[in-house]
Amino acid sequence: MLRESSKWGVYLQGTGINVTMIVAVSVIGNHVPPMLIFPSAHFKNHMLTGAPIASIGGAQPTGWSHERLFVDYLKHFIACERACNEDPVLLVLDNHKSHL
């Protein structure tokens, strides 16, 4: 279902509709599987067809992130990274309002 991805987002095949992607990447290139936010009232699992393995999804009518979706991604990030006192992780965010 996903056609291509770019630095800024993902496009639905044949539609030209933007899908928001939240992803964390380390300096050495490791990454946490992304969260794709689709412009829809309700998320359906089939929307992730063709997405990277272990990606999660969400939906919001505008297709943009908001606080609840970002918290969902943070939970995903924590589960994937398994940071602890012996192996801490530093997460640097921009100043987007959904991150506050």
Protein backbone atom coordinates (compact mmCIF):
# COMPACT_ATOMS: atom_id res chain seq x y z
CA MET A 1 0.00 0.00 0.00
CA LEU A 2 2.90 2.38 0.70
CA ARG A 3 4.60 3.57 -2.45
CA GLU A 4 7.70 5.41 -1.37
CA SER A 5 9.24 7.13 1.58
CA SER A 6 11.33 10.24 1.80
CA LYS A 7 13.17 12.14 4.48
CA TRP A 8 9.92 13.89 5.41
CA GLY A 9 7.23 11.29 5.10
CA VAL A 10 5.53 8.50 3.25
CA TYR A 11 3.07 8.71 0.37
CA LEU A 12 0.11 6.40 -0.16
CA GLN A 13 0.42 4.59 -3.47
CA GLY A 14 -1.39 6.37 -6.26
CA THR A 15 -3.06 8.99 -4.05
CA GLY A 16 -0.50 11.72 -3.35
CA ILE A 17 -1.75 11.75 0.28
CA ASN A 18 0.93 12.43 2.90
CA VAL A 19 1.32 10.12 5.87
CA THR A 20 3.18 11.44 8.91
CA MET A 21 6.12 9.34 10.11
CA ILE A 22 7.61 9.50 13.60
CA VAL A 23 10.97 7.74 13.79
CA ALA A 24 14.04 7.81 16.04
CA VAL A 25 17.49 7.30 14.52
CA SER A 26 20.82 7.13 16.36
CA VAL A 27 24.08 8.73 15.31
CA ILE A 28 25.40 5.35 14.13
CA GLY A 29 22.27 4.62 12.08
CA ASN A 30 20.30 2.32 14.39
CA HIS A 31 16.60 3.09 14.45
CA VAL A 32 13.37 2.32 16.24
CA PRO A 33 10.67 1.13 13.82
CA PRO A 34 8.51 4.11 12.84
CA MET A 35 4.98 5.10 13.67
CA LEU A 36 2.93 5.99 10.59
CA ILE A 37 -0.02 8.32 11.10
CA PHE A 38 -2.67 8.06 8.42
CA PRO A 39 -5.25 10.73 7.50
CA SER A 40 -8.26 8.74 8.65
CA ALA A 41 -10.74 8.69 11.52
CA HIS A 42 -9.81 5.11 12.50
CA PHE A 43 -6.61 3.08 12.16
CA LYS A 44 -6.82 -0.35 10.53
CA ASN A 45 -3.90 -2.82 10.59
CA HIS A 46 -3.98 -3.26 6.80
CA MET A 47 -2.79 0.35 6.51
CA LEU A 48 0.69 -0.88 7.50
CA THR A 49 0.97 -3.23 4.50
CA GLY A 50 4.41 -2.58 3.01
CA ALA A 51 5.66 -0.66 6.05
CA PRO A 52 8.98 -1.52 7.75
CA ILE A 53 8.86 -4.54 10.08
CA ALA A 54 7.64 -3.76 13.63
CA SER A 55 6.15 -0.40 12.58
CA ILE A 56 3.12 0.82 14.48
CA GLY A 57 0.28 2.91 13.15
CA GLY A 58 -2.23 5.51 14.15
CA ALA A 59 -4.89 7.64 12.55
CA GLN A 60 -5.98 11.22 12.84
CA PRO A 61 -8.30 13.01 10.39
CA THR A 62 -5.60 15.51 9.38
CA GLY A 63 -2.84 12.90 9.20
CA TRP A 64 -0.72 14.94 11.62
CA SER A 65 0.62 13.84 14.99
CA HIS A 66 -0.87 15.01 18.26
CA GLU A 67 -0.13 14.42 21.95
CA ARG A 68 -1.87 11.03 22.33
CA LEU A 69 -0.24 9.60 19.22
CA PHE A 70 3.16 10.86 20.31
CA VAL A 71 2.72 9.19 23.72
CA ASP A 72 1.88 5.97 21.85
CA TYR A 73 5.16 6.32 19.96
CA LEU A 74 7.09 6.99 23.19
CA LYS A 75 5.70 3.73 24.63
CA HIS A 76 6.83 1.96 21.43
CA PHE A 77 10.27 3.62 21.70
CA ILE A 78 10.67 2.50 25.33
CA ALA A 79 9.63 -1.07 24.50
CA CYS A 80 12.09 -1.23 21.59
CA GLU A 81 15.05 0.41 23.33
CA ARG A 82 14.77 -1.20 26.79
CA ALA A 83 16.91 1.52 28.37
CA CYS A 84 18.09 1.03 31.95
CA ASN A 85 20.49 2.65 34.41
CA GLU A 86 23.39 0.60 33.00
CA ASP A 87 22.48 1.38 29.38
CA PRO A 88 20.75 4.79 29.24
CA VAL A 89 19.23 6.40 26.14
CA LEU A 90 19.08 10.12 25.36
CA LEU A 91 16.08 11.17 23.27
CA VAL A 92 16.36 14.64 21.70
CA LEU A 93 13.13 16.20 20.40
CA ASP A 94 12.35 19.26 18.35
CA ASN A 95 9.91 21.81 19.73
CA HIS A 96 6.77 20.53 17.96
CA LYS A 97 3.66 21.10 20.07
CA SER A 98 2.73 17.39 19.98
CA HIS A 99 5.92 16.62 21.91
CA LEU A 100 5.01 18.79 24.90
